[in-house]
Protein backbone atom coordinates (compact mmCIF):
# COMPACT_ATOMS: atom_id res chain seq x y z
CA MET A 1 93.14 88.98 101.35
CA GLN A 2 90.60 88.62 98.36
CA GLU A 3 88.53 91.91 100.22
CA GLU A 4 91.77 94.18 100.43
CA ALA A 5 93.65 92.71 97.26
CA GLY A 6 91.98 90.78 95.32
CA ILE A 7 93.20 86.68 95.86
CA THR A 8 93.16 84.31 97.26
CA VAL A 9 95.31 82.25 99.20
CA LYS A 10 96.14 79.31 101.08
CA VAL A 11 96.70 79.09 105.09
CA ASP A 12 100.36 77.04 104.67
CA LYS A 13 101.12 77.94 108.88
CA PHE A 14 100.72 79.99 111.28
CA LEU A 15 103.23 81.90 112.42
CA ASP A 16 103.19 83.52 114.94
CA GLU A 17 101.23 86.37 117.46
CA ARG A 18 100.95 89.14 118.82
CA PHE A 19 99.03 91.11 121.45
CA VAL A 20 98.64 95.21 120.26
CA GLU A 21 99.96 97.17 123.90
CA ASN A 22 96.35 99.18 125.32
CA SER A 23 93.70 97.20 123.11
CA ASP A 24 92.64 94.46 122.43
CA THR A 25 94.03 93.59 119.43
CA ILE A 26 96.13 91.18 117.99
CA ILE A 27 98.19 90.82 115.02
CA LYS A 28 98.61 86.93 113.40
CA TRP A 29 100.76 86.05 111.45
CA TYR A 30 101.03 82.94 108.62
CA LEU A 31 101.94 81.74 105.70
CA CYS A 32 100.22 81.84 102.66
CA HIS A 33 100.84 81.41 98.98
CA PRO A 34 98.17 82.48 96.20
CA ASN A 35 95.62 80.84 94.09
CA THR A 36 94.71 83.54 92.39
CA HIS A 37 97.25 86.24 90.62
CA GLU A 38 95.95 89.07 89.95
CA LEU A 39 96.51 91.75 92.54
CA ARG A 40 94.32 94.72 92.59
CA ALA A 41 93.95 97.44 95.35
CA GLY A 42 90.89 97.25 98.25
CA ASP A 43 89.08 101.00 98.73
CA ASP A 44 91.07 101.44 101.06
CA LEU A 45 94.48 101.02 99.49
CA ALA A 46 96.54 103.05 98.38
CA GLU A 47 98.37 100.43 96.02
CA VAL A 48 99.34 96.31 96.77
CA LYS A 49 101.67 95.18 95.14
CA TYR A 50 103.69 91.22 95.41
CA VAL A 51 107.69 91.71 97.40
CA PRO A 52 109.94 89.72 97.61
CA ARG A 53 110.35 87.92 100.74
CA SER A 54 114.24 89.50 100.48
CA ASP A 55 113.18 93.36 100.71
CA VAL A 56 109.72 91.99 102.72
CA PRO A 57 111.40 94.01 106.12
CA ARG A 58 112.63 97.70 104.31
CA VAL A 59 109.19 97.89 102.55
CA CYS A 60 107.54 97.93 105.63
CA ASP A 61 107.44 100.60 107.74
CA PRO A 62 109.91 100.23 110.73
CA ALA A 63 107.88 100.52 113.78
CA ALA A 64 105.47 97.68 112.61
CA VAL A 65 108.89 96.40 111.89
CA SER A 66 110.18 96.69 116.08
CA ARG A 67 107.12 94.94 116.48
CA TRP A 68 107.28 91.84 114.94
CA PRO A 69 106.62 88.59 116.78
CA PRO A 70 110.49 86.62 117.26
CA LYS A 71 109.38 84.19 114.48
CA VAL A 72 108.20 86.01 111.45
CA VAL A 73 110.97 87.85 112.81
CA GLU A 74 113.15 84.86 111.14
CA TYR A 75 110.79 83.83 109.07
CA PHE A 76 112.24 87.50 106.87
CA GLY A 77 115.40 87.04 108.58
CA VAL A 78 115.53 90.49 110.16
């Protein structure tokens, strides 16, 4: 988070994980809260911003949301 968004976070809880098809990649989701709040986009990002929890499914790419594992879907109320 520090490299990509310029903030440090505290991990509160592991939510879920999903294997990416046709690869050796595992994506893991964690519930975190920020220790610092001033966002700064990393070199490979055009923008970084805080989004209310209720808006996350709408703001995220629909193709990505369709691949969220069950506990992440439940957390965001999709």
